[in-house]
Amino acid sequence: MKTVHSKYSSETESQNGTVDSMESEVGSGVDDSDNEPTADSDNDDITFDPWCDPANPVKIIFQDISMAAYKIKNDILRTPCSLSHMSNMTGMDIFLKKEFLHHTGSFKERGARYTLLMLPEQQRNRGVITASAGNHALALSYHGHGLGIPVTVVMPIVAPLMKVQLCRSNGANVIVKGQHIGECKEIALHIAKDTGQVYINGYDHPHILAGQGTMGLEIVEDIPNIDAVVIPVGGGGLIAGTALAIKSLLPEVNSIEIGRASCRERV
């Protein structure tokens, strides 16, 4: 038996091999030129996120993940998936996907890079904004700096000082305000409304899901005869994209989520 563990973020997989980008639920492809969501003129909610509309979820399919893999292949590390010494203790082959080897230390770079690359030129000039306590903010800051795209991040007052400073060192405009991510998101969406920046949800945006799903493609290519993939759950973006990628190619593989009870309640 071969099991693959990600070293880091649930979705419920649908039967037709699609994923919905809305509260991280697992549903036709994303075409920016035709299907880019726009805020409803009748919607007066300043904190409305058109990419995350429960009444009109944006969906991704396997081909979106394939396109993401092609676009980021020269700029995102293909991390190794190595046999773990725990294999001898468990009687099964356990492989660890070492996503901590990315420049900023997490898989978040996959979705961040792809999302930034998919921005139309006008939006690149205006920049992007997000709410994050660390890894998503850092990934956007790092790749935004490299691509010349202005990045603003709203971080809670409990965010690690090291990550706040790293975001700033990558040229991001960092706003430390809010007791928790929920408050930070509301602040960020207000700013986005005023400035014209696009809000990038760290786990519930179609390009983020497609980018994270590239990890699943690498697992399938590197490890033969997979029985199960065990993926930690936070916001749900990683398991959504990865499960879609893997089970589109190998539907018999079990996708197992691991997360704290508090995470499940939040999702």
Protein backbone atom coordinates (compact mmCIF):
# COMPACT_ATOMS: atom_id res chain seq x y z
CA MET A 1 0.00 0.00 0.00
CA LYS A 2 1.30 3.43 -0.91
CA THR A 3 0.16 6.58 0.84
CA VAL A 4 1.18 10.13 0.04
CA HIS A 5 1.11 12.86 2.66
CA SER A 6 1.29 16.56 1.91
CA LYS A 7 3.50 18.49 4.28
CA TYR A 8 0.83 21.06 4.60
CA SER A 9 -4.69 22.75 3.57
CA SER A 10 -11.79 20.50 2.41
CA GLU A 11 -13.56 19.89 -0.23
CA THR A 12 -16.13 17.26 -1.00
CA GLU A 13 -15.45 15.79 -4.39
CA SER A 14 -18.26 15.80 -6.90
CA GLN A 15 -19.00 12.92 -9.20
CA ASN A 16 -18.37 14.89 -12.40
CA GLY A 17 -14.81 15.85 -11.62
CA THR A 18 -15.32 19.55 -10.97
CA VAL A 19 -14.76 21.94 -8.10
CA ASP A 20 -16.81 24.97 -7.07
CA SER A 21 -14.97 28.01 -5.81
CA MET A 22 -17.37 28.99 -3.04
CA GLU A 23 -16.78 28.13 0.57
CA SER A 24 -14.35 25.51 -0.73
CA GLU A 25 -16.90 23.06 -2.03
CA VAL A 26 -15.93 20.59 -4.60
CA GLY A 27 -17.95 21.80 -9.92
CA SER A 28 -16.93 24.15 -16.25
CA GLY A 29 -13.70 25.80 -16.79
CA VAL A 30 -12.52 29.28 -15.91
CA ASP A 31 -12.06 31.59 -18.88
CA ASP A 32 -11.06 35.05 -17.72
CA SER A 33 -11.99 36.79 -20.94
CA ASP A 34 -15.57 35.55 -20.90
CA ASN A 35 -16.43 34.45 -17.38
CA GLU A 36 -14.66 36.89 -15.08
CA PRO A 37 -17.22 37.70 -12.40
CA THR A 38 -18.28 41.25 -11.84
CA ALA A 39 -19.94 42.76 -8.83
CA ASP A 40 -23.71 42.88 -9.19
CA SER A 41 -24.77 46.51 -9.65
CA ASP A 42 -27.76 45.77 -7.42
CA ASN A 43 -25.55 44.42 -4.65
CA ASP A 44 -24.91 47.14 -2.07
CA ASP A 45 -22.77 44.93 0.16
CA ILE A 46 -19.33 46.52 0.18
CA THR A 47 -17.79 43.25 1.33
CA PHE A 48 -19.23 41.25 -1.57
CA ASP A 49 -16.59 39.11 -3.31
CA PRO A 50 -17.73 38.27 -6.88
CA TRP A 51 -15.26 35.37 -7.07
CA CYS A 52 -16.94 33.84 -4.02
CA ASP A 53 -20.65 34.25 -4.65
CA PRO A 54 -22.81 31.42 -3.23
CA ALA A 55 -25.53 32.28 -5.75
CA ASN A 56 -23.13 32.01 -8.70
CA PRO A 57 -20.09 29.87 -7.85
CA VAL A 58 -17.20 29.93 -10.30
CA LYS A 59 -16.22 26.38 -11.24
CA ILE A 60 -12.96 24.75 -12.26
CA ILE A 61 -12.26 21.52 -14.11
CA PHE A 62 -9.20 19.34 -14.59
CA GLN A 63 -8.11 21.32 -17.65
CA ASP A 64 -7.79 24.45 -15.50
CA ILE A 65 -5.26 22.68 -13.31
CA SER A 66 -3.36 21.49 -16.39
CA MET A 67 -3.18 25.07 -17.67
CA ALA A 68 -1.99 26.29 -14.29
CA ALA A 69 0.77 23.67 -14.28
CA TYR A 70 1.96 24.82 -17.70
CA LYS A 71 1.96 28.51 -16.77
CA ILE A 72 3.85 28.19 -13.47
CA LYS A 73 6.26 25.38 -14.37
CA ASN A 74 9.25 27.70 -14.90
CA ASP A 75 8.73 29.74 -11.74
CA ILE A 76 7.50 27.30 -9.08
CA LEU A 77 9.69 24.57 -7.60
CA ARG A 78 8.67 21.03 -8.41
CA THR A 79 9.03 19.67 -4.90
CA PRO A 80 10.24 16.12 -4.27
CA CYS A 81 7.93 13.40 -2.98
CA SER A 82 10.25 11.21 -0.94
CA LEU A 83 9.87 7.85 0.76
CA SER A 84 9.61 8.38 4.52
CA HIS A 85 11.37 6.37 7.22
CA MET A 86 7.89 5.93 8.76
CA SER A 87 7.27 3.32 6.07
CA ASN A 88 9.18 0.71 8.09
CA MET A 89 7.09 1.49 11.18
CA THR A 90 3.73 1.23 9.43
CA GLY A 91 4.20 -1.61 6.96
CA MET A 92 3.27 0.58 4.01
CA ASP A 93 5.12 2.92 1.67
CA ILE A 94 4.60 6.49 2.89
CA PHE A 95 5.80 9.34 0.71
CA LEU A 96 6.05 12.97 1.87
CA LYS A 97 5.47 15.82 -0.59
CA LYS A 98 7.93 18.46 0.63
CA GLU A 99 6.07 21.68 -0.06
CA PHE A 100 8.05 23.48 2.64
CA LEU A 101 10.90 23.73 0.13
CA HIS A 102 9.20 26.54 -1.79
CA HIS A 103 10.92 29.92 -1.45
CA THR A 104 8.33 31.21 1.02
CA GLY A 105 7.93 27.85 2.75
CA SER A 106 4.49 26.66 1.65
CA PHE A 107 2.34 25.38 -1.22
CA LYS A 108 0.58 28.78 -1.32
CA GLU A 109 3.05 29.90 -3.98
CA ARG A 110 1.36 27.68 -6.57
CA GLY A 111 -2.00 29.42 -6.42
CA ALA A 112 -0.56 32.87 -5.83
CA ARG A 113 1.69 32.74 -8.89
CA TYR A 114 -1.02 31.42 -11.19
CA THR A 115 -3.61 33.92 -9.97
CA LEU A 116 -1.25 36.85 -10.55
CA LEU A 117 -0.34 35.58 -14.02
CA MET A 118 -4.01 35.39 -14.95
CA LEU A 119 -4.75 39.02 -14.11
CA PRO A 120 -5.66 41.27 -17.08
CA GLU A 121 -3.15 44.08 -17.74
CA GLN A 122 -5.34 46.81 -16.27
CA GLN A 123 -5.77 44.86 -13.05
CA ARG A 124 -2.04 44.19 -12.83
CA ASN A 125 -1.49 47.93 -12.75
CA ARG A 126 -4.09 48.46 -10.04
CA GLY A 127 -2.77 45.61 -7.96
CA VAL A 128 -4.31 43.04 -5.65
CA ILE A 129 -5.29 42.86 -2.01
CA THR A 130 -5.83 39.99 0.39
CA ALA A 131 -6.39 39.11 4.02
CA SER A 132 -3.99 36.58 5.50
CA ALA A 133 -2.14 35.81 8.70
CA GLY A 134 0.94 34.59 6.87
CA ASN A 135 1.59 32.10 4.09
CA HIS A 136 -0.89 33.36 1.47
CA ALA A 137 0.13 36.96 2.11
CA LEU A 138 3.79 36.04 1.85
CA ALA A 139 3.31 34.08 -1.38
CA LEU A 140 1.39 36.93 -3.01
CA SER A 141 3.94 39.48 -1.84
CA TYR A 142 6.89 37.49 -3.14
CA HIS A 143 5.45 36.72 -6.57
CA GLY A 144 3.77 40.11 -6.89
CA HIS A 145 7.15 41.74 -6.35
CA GLY A 146 8.73 39.55 -9.01
CA LEU A 147 5.97 40.32 -11.51
CA GLY A 148 5.81 44.03 -10.74
CA ILE A 149 2.24 43.81 -9.41
CA PRO A 150 1.37 45.95 -6.36
CA VAL A 151 0.22 43.85 -3.42
CA THR A 152 -1.61 44.97 -0.30
CA VAL A 153 -2.10 42.54 2.57
CA VAL A 154 -4.29 43.02 5.62
CA MET A 155 -2.95 40.96 8.51
CA PRO A 156 -4.46 40.45 11.98
CA ILE A 157 -2.71 41.82 15.02
CA VAL A 158 -1.81 38.25 15.99
CA ALA A 159 0.10 37.61 12.74
CA PRO A 160 3.71 36.46 13.27
CA LEU A 161 5.99 39.50 13.21
CA MET A 162 8.47 37.62 11.02
CA LYS A 163 5.88 37.12 8.30
CA VAL A 164 4.71 40.72 8.53
CA GLN A 165 8.28 41.88 7.99
CA LEU A 166 8.89 39.39 5.19
CA CYS A 167 5.84 40.68 3.33
CA ARG A 168 7.13 44.23 3.69
CA SER A 169 10.59 43.20 2.54
CA ASN A 170 8.95 41.88 -0.64
CA GLY A 171 7.45 45.30 -1.31
CA ALA A 172 3.93 44.66 -0.05
CA ASN A 173 1.82 47.34 1.54
CA VAL A 174 1.07 45.69 4.87
CA ILE A 175 -1.86 46.80 7.01
CA VAL A 176 -1.90 45.20 10.46
CA LYS A 177 -5.47 45.60 11.63
CA GLY A 178 -8.22 43.31 12.85
CA GLN A 179 -8.53 40.79 15.64
CA HIS A 180 -8.89 37.82 13.30
CA ILE A 181 -9.01 36.91 9.60
CA GLY A 182 -12.74 37.59 9.35
CA GLU A 183 -12.20 41.23 10.32
CA CYS A 184 -9.16 41.47 8.03
CA LYS A 185 -11.20 40.20 5.08
CA GLU A 186 -13.89 42.80 5.69
CA ILE A 187 -11.28 45.57 5.85
CA ALA A 188 -9.58 44.30 2.68
CA LEU A 189 -12.85 44.15 0.75
CA HIS A 190 -13.68 47.72 1.78
CA ILE A 191 -10.28 48.86 0.50
CA ALA A 192 -10.72 46.88 -2.72
CA LYS A 193 -14.05 48.63 -3.29
CA ASP A 194 -12.40 52.04 -2.90
CA THR A 195 -9.17 51.40 -4.85
CA GLY A 196 -10.24 49.04 -7.62
CA GLN A 197 -7.80 46.36 -6.46
CA VAL A 198 -8.99 42.79 -6.88
CA TYR A 199 -9.43 40.79 -3.70
CA ILE A 200 -7.66 37.41 -3.80
CA ASN A 201 -9.15 34.90 -1.39
CA GLY A 202 -6.45 32.57 -0.14
CA TYR A 203 -8.48 29.37 -0.50
CA ASP A 204 -11.74 30.20 -2.30
CA HIS A 205 -10.74 31.63 -5.67
CA PRO A 206 -10.81 29.52 -8.87
CA HIS A 207 -7.22 30.33 -9.88
CA ILE A 208 -6.00 29.64 -6.35
CA LEU A 209 -7.70 26.22 -6.45
CA ALA A 210 -6.27 25.45 -9.89
CA GLY A 211 -2.78 26.47 -8.82
CA GLN A 212 -2.86 24.36 -5.66
CA GLY A 213 -4.10 21.45 -7.75
CA THR A 214 -0.76 21.30 -9.60
CA MET A 215 0.62 19.51 -6.55
CA GLY A 216 -1.71 16.62 -7.32
CA LEU A 217 -0.39 16.34 -10.88
CA GLU A 218 3.16 16.08 -9.57
CA ILE A 219 2.18 13.36 -7.09
CA VAL A 220 0.56 11.25 -9.82
CA GLU A 221 3.58 11.70 -12.10
CA ASP A 222 6.14 10.86 -9.41
CA ILE A 223 4.53 8.05 -7.39
CA PRO A 224 3.15 4.88 -9.04
CA ASN A 225 0.35 2.74 -7.61
CA ILE A 226 -1.04 5.26 -5.12
CA ASP A 227 -3.68 3.95 -2.71
CA ALA A 228 -4.46 7.12 -0.78
CA VAL A 229 -3.45 10.74 -0.41
CA VAL A 230 -3.62 12.38 3.01
CA ILE A 231 -3.91 16.17 2.92
CA PRO A 232 -4.14 18.62 5.85
CA VAL A 233 -7.15 20.95 5.82
CA GLY A 234 -7.24 24.61 6.73
CA GLY A 235 -9.29 26.75 4.39
CA GLY A 236 -9.71 23.88 1.95
CA GLY A 237 -8.01 25.18 -1.18
CA LEU A 238 -5.23 22.60 -1.24
CA ILE A 239 -7.37 19.50 -0.92
CA ALA A 240 -9.95 20.89 -3.36
CA GLY A 241 -7.46 21.37 -6.19
CA THR A 242 -5.32 18.35 -5.36
CA ALA A 243 -8.23 15.93 -5.03
CA LEU A 244 -9.68 17.13 -8.34
CA ALA A 245 -6.34 16.62 -10.09
CA ILE A 246 -5.61 13.19 -8.64
CA LYS A 247 -9.08 11.68 -8.89
CA SER A 248 -9.57 12.96 -12.43
CA LEU A 249 -6.60 10.77 -13.39
CA LEU A 250 -6.92 8.01 -10.78
CA PRO A 251 -10.53 7.86 -9.53
CA GLU A 252 -9.80 4.82 -7.37
CA VAL A 253 -7.39 6.74 -5.12
CA ASN A 254 -8.75 7.69 -1.70
CA SER A 255 -8.44 11.36 -0.74
CA ILE A 256 -8.27 11.74 3.04
CA GLU A 257 -8.51 15.07 4.85
CA ILE A 258 -6.79 15.76 8.15
CA GLY A 259 -7.72 18.79 10.22
CA ARG A 260 -8.61 20.02 13.66
CA ALA A 261 -12.24 20.06 14.73
CA SER A 262 -12.09 23.86 14.81
CA CYS A 263 -11.05 23.91 11.16
CA ARG A 264 -13.98 21.72 10.16
CA GLU A 265 -16.39 23.99 12.01
CA ARG A 266 -14.96 27.07 10.29
CA VAL A 267 -15.12 25.52 6.81
